[in-house]
Amino acid sequence: MPNQINNHHEDGHPVSPLIINSLSKITGDLVLSSDVRVDGSVEGNITTSKSVIIGEDGHLKGNIKCNSLVVYGRIEGIAEVEGNTHLHE
């Protein structure tokens, strides 16, 4: 799953992931039931039952609780991951 996001609702309908683009800065906690990709900046915690990708230009100042995590950018906080974690330089 390193670069691919694929969500489906319980009824089988596709669900779009949340994408925080490189021009965006979010302050506050995010509680989601979908995948999320951070290419911008988030100052707050991210909680999701799905996957989190921190892109090359992405920066998170806060904690993450998720099913799987892929990091190309920076995280300043604690990550609690149920499944796989992939860290890239």
C-alpha atoms as a PDB file:
ATOM      1  CA  MET A   1       0.000   0.000   0.000  1.00  0.00           C
ATOM      2  CA  PRO A   2       2.921   2.427  -0.021  1.00  0.00           C
ATOM      3  CA  ASN A   3       1.544   4.852  -2.635  1.00  0.00           C
ATOM      4  CA  GLN A   4      -1.945   3.542  -3.230  1.00  0.00           C
ATOM      5  CA  ILE A   5      -5.079   4.424  -1.311  1.00  0.00           C
ATOM      6  CA  ASN A   6      -8.174   2.280  -1.742  1.00  0.00           C
ATOM      7  CA  ASN A   7     -11.270   2.768   0.433  1.00  0.00           C
ATOM      8  CA  HIS A   8     -14.681   1.219   0.280  1.00  0.00           C
ATOM      9  CA  HIS A   9     -17.627   1.906   2.531  1.00  0.00           C
ATOM     10  CA  GLU A  10     -19.246  -1.019   4.345  1.00  0.00           C
ATOM     11  CA  ASP A  11     -21.882  -1.203   1.595  1.00  0.00           C
ATOM     12  CA  GLY A  12     -19.182  -1.574  -1.087  1.00  0.00           C
ATOM     13  CA  HIS A  13     -19.352   1.982  -2.473  1.00  0.00           C
ATOM     14  CA  PRO A  14     -15.980   3.687  -2.965  1.00  0.00           C
ATOM     15  CA  VAL A  15     -14.948   6.323  -0.442  1.00  0.00           C
ATOM     16  CA  SER A  16     -12.513   9.063  -1.375  1.00  0.00           C
ATOM     17  CA  PRO A  17      -9.451   9.486   0.841  1.00  0.00           C
ATOM     18  CA  LEU A  18      -8.715  12.777   2.549  1.00  0.00           C
ATOM     19  CA  ILE A  19      -5.800  14.447   0.771  1.00  0.00           C
ATOM     20  CA  ILE A  20      -4.142  17.423   2.411  1.00  0.00           C
ATOM     21  CA  ASN A  21      -2.258  19.030  -0.457  1.00  0.00           C
ATOM     22  CA  SER A  22       1.089  20.811  -0.274  1.00  0.00           C
ATOM     23  CA  LEU A  23      -0.581  24.239  -0.155  1.00  0.00           C
ATOM     24  CA  SER A  24      -2.686  23.348   2.900  1.00  0.00           C
ATOM     25  CA  LYS A  25      -2.073  23.767   6.618  1.00  0.00           C
ATOM     26  CA  ILE A  26      -4.524  22.250   9.084  1.00  0.00           C
ATOM     27  CA  THR A  27      -4.565  23.004  12.796  1.00  0.00           C
ATOM     28  CA  GLY A  28      -6.665  20.662  14.909  1.00  0.00           C
ATOM     29  CA  ASP A  29      -7.327  16.981  15.421  1.00  0.00           C
ATOM     30  CA  LEU A  30      -8.614  14.777  12.600  1.00  0.00           C
ATOM     31  CA  VAL A  31     -10.794  11.759  13.429  1.00  0.00           C
ATOM     32  CA  LEU A  32     -11.530   9.804  10.242  1.00  0.00           C
ATOM     33  CA  SER A  33     -12.810   6.508   8.934  1.00  0.00           C
ATOM     34  CA  SER A  34     -10.949   6.834   5.627  1.00  0.00           C
ATOM     35  CA  ASP A  35      -7.369   6.845   4.378  1.00  0.00           C
ATOM     36  CA  VAL A  36      -5.480  10.118   4.578  1.00  0.00           C
ATOM     37  CA  ARG A  37      -2.485  11.487   2.697  1.00  0.00           C
ATOM     38  CA  VAL A  38      -0.625  14.491   4.077  1.00  0.00           C
ATOM     39  CA  ASP A  39       1.398  16.454   1.531  1.00  0.00           C
ATOM     40  CA  GLY A  40       0.981  19.716   3.440  1.00  0.00           C
ATOM     41  CA  SER A  41       1.149  20.496   7.136  1.00  0.00           C
ATOM     42  CA  VAL A  42      -0.967  19.226  10.031  1.00  0.00           C
ATOM     43  CA  GLU A  43      -0.614  20.468  13.579  1.00  0.00           C
ATOM     44  CA  GLY A  44      -2.783  18.098  15.602  1.00  0.00           C
ATOM     45  CA  ASN A  45      -3.499  14.402  15.984  1.00  0.00           C
ATOM     46  CA  ILE A  46      -4.694  12.036  13.245  1.00  0.00           C
ATOM     47  CA  THR A  47      -6.875   9.058  14.191  1.00  0.00           C
ATOM     48  CA  THR A  48      -8.223   6.673  11.551  1.00  0.00           C
ATOM     49  CA  SER A  49      -9.046   2.992  11.243  1.00  0.00           C
ATOM     50  CA  LYS A  50      -7.417   3.081   7.799  1.00  0.00           C
ATOM     51  CA  SER A  51      -4.017   4.131   6.392  1.00  0.00           C
ATOM     52  CA  VAL A  52      -1.957   7.299   6.693  1.00  0.00           C
ATOM     53  CA  ILE A  53       0.660   8.414   4.165  1.00  0.00           C
ATOM     54  CA  ILE A  54       2.934  11.339   4.963  1.00  0.00           C
ATOM     55  CA  GLY A  55       4.262  12.545   1.590  1.00  0.00           C
ATOM     56  CA  GLU A  56       7.770  13.902   0.914  1.00  0.00           C
ATOM     57  CA  ASP A  57       6.692  17.481   1.644  1.00  0.00           C
ATOM     58  CA  GLY A  58       4.272  16.420   4.379  1.00  0.00           C
ATOM     59  CA  HIS A  59       4.746  17.412   8.007  1.00  0.00           C
ATOM     60  CA  LEU A  60       2.743  16.282  11.022  1.00  0.00           C
ATOM     61  CA  LYS A  61       3.243  17.814  14.438  1.00  0.00           C
ATOM     62  CA  GLY A  62       1.091  15.512  16.544  1.00  0.00           C
ATOM     63  CA  ASN A  63       0.313  11.874  17.184  1.00  0.00           C
ATOM     64  CA  ILE A  64      -1.035   9.259  14.782  1.00  0.00           C
ATOM     65  CA  LYS A  65      -3.268   6.283  15.507  1.00  0.00           C
ATOM     66  CA  CYS A  66      -3.951   4.214  12.383  1.00  0.00           C
ATOM     67  CA  ASN A  67      -3.992   0.786  10.761  1.00  0.00           C
ATOM     68  CA  SER A  68      -0.939   1.326   8.537  1.00  0.00           C
ATOM     69  CA  LEU A  69       1.570   4.124   8.112  1.00  0.00           C
ATOM     70  CA  VAL A  70       3.914   5.157   5.303  1.00  0.00           C
ATOM     71  CA  VAL A  71       6.273   8.066   5.958  1.00  0.00           C
ATOM     72  CA  TYR A  72       8.284   9.950   3.337  1.00  0.00           C
ATOM     73  CA  GLY A  73       8.119  13.305   5.148  1.00  0.00           C
ATOM     74  CA  ARG A  74       8.347  14.272   8.829  1.00  0.00           C
ATOM     75  CA  ILE A  75       6.469  13.359  11.978  1.00  0.00           C
ATOM     76  CA  GLU A  76       6.971  15.044  15.342  1.00  0.00           C
ATOM     77  CA  GLY A  77       4.961  12.844  17.665  1.00  0.00           C
ATOM     78  CA  ILE A  78       4.067   9.286  18.565  1.00  0.00           C
ATOM     79  CA  ALA A  79       2.702   6.786  16.042  1.00  0.00           C
ATOM     80  CA  GLU A  80       0.477   3.946  17.247  1.00  0.00           C
ATOM     81  CA  VAL A  81       0.067   1.590  14.275  1.00  0.00           C
ATOM     82  CA  GLU A  82      -1.890  -1.674  14.301  1.00  0.00           C
ATOM     83  CA  GLY A  83      -0.419  -3.042  11.056  1.00  0.00           C
ATOM     84  CA  ASN A  84       2.594  -2.159   8.909  1.00  0.00           C
ATOM     85  CA  THR A  85       4.849   0.883   9.137  1.00  0.00           C
ATOM     86  CA  HIS A  86       7.162   1.923   6.279  1.00  0.00           C
ATOM     87  CA  LEU A  87       9.728   4.678   6.873  1.00  0.00           C
ATOM     88  CA  HIS A  88      11.567   6.195   3.888  1.00  0.00           C
ATOM     89  CA  GLU A  89      14.484   8.630   3.803  1.00  0.00           C
END
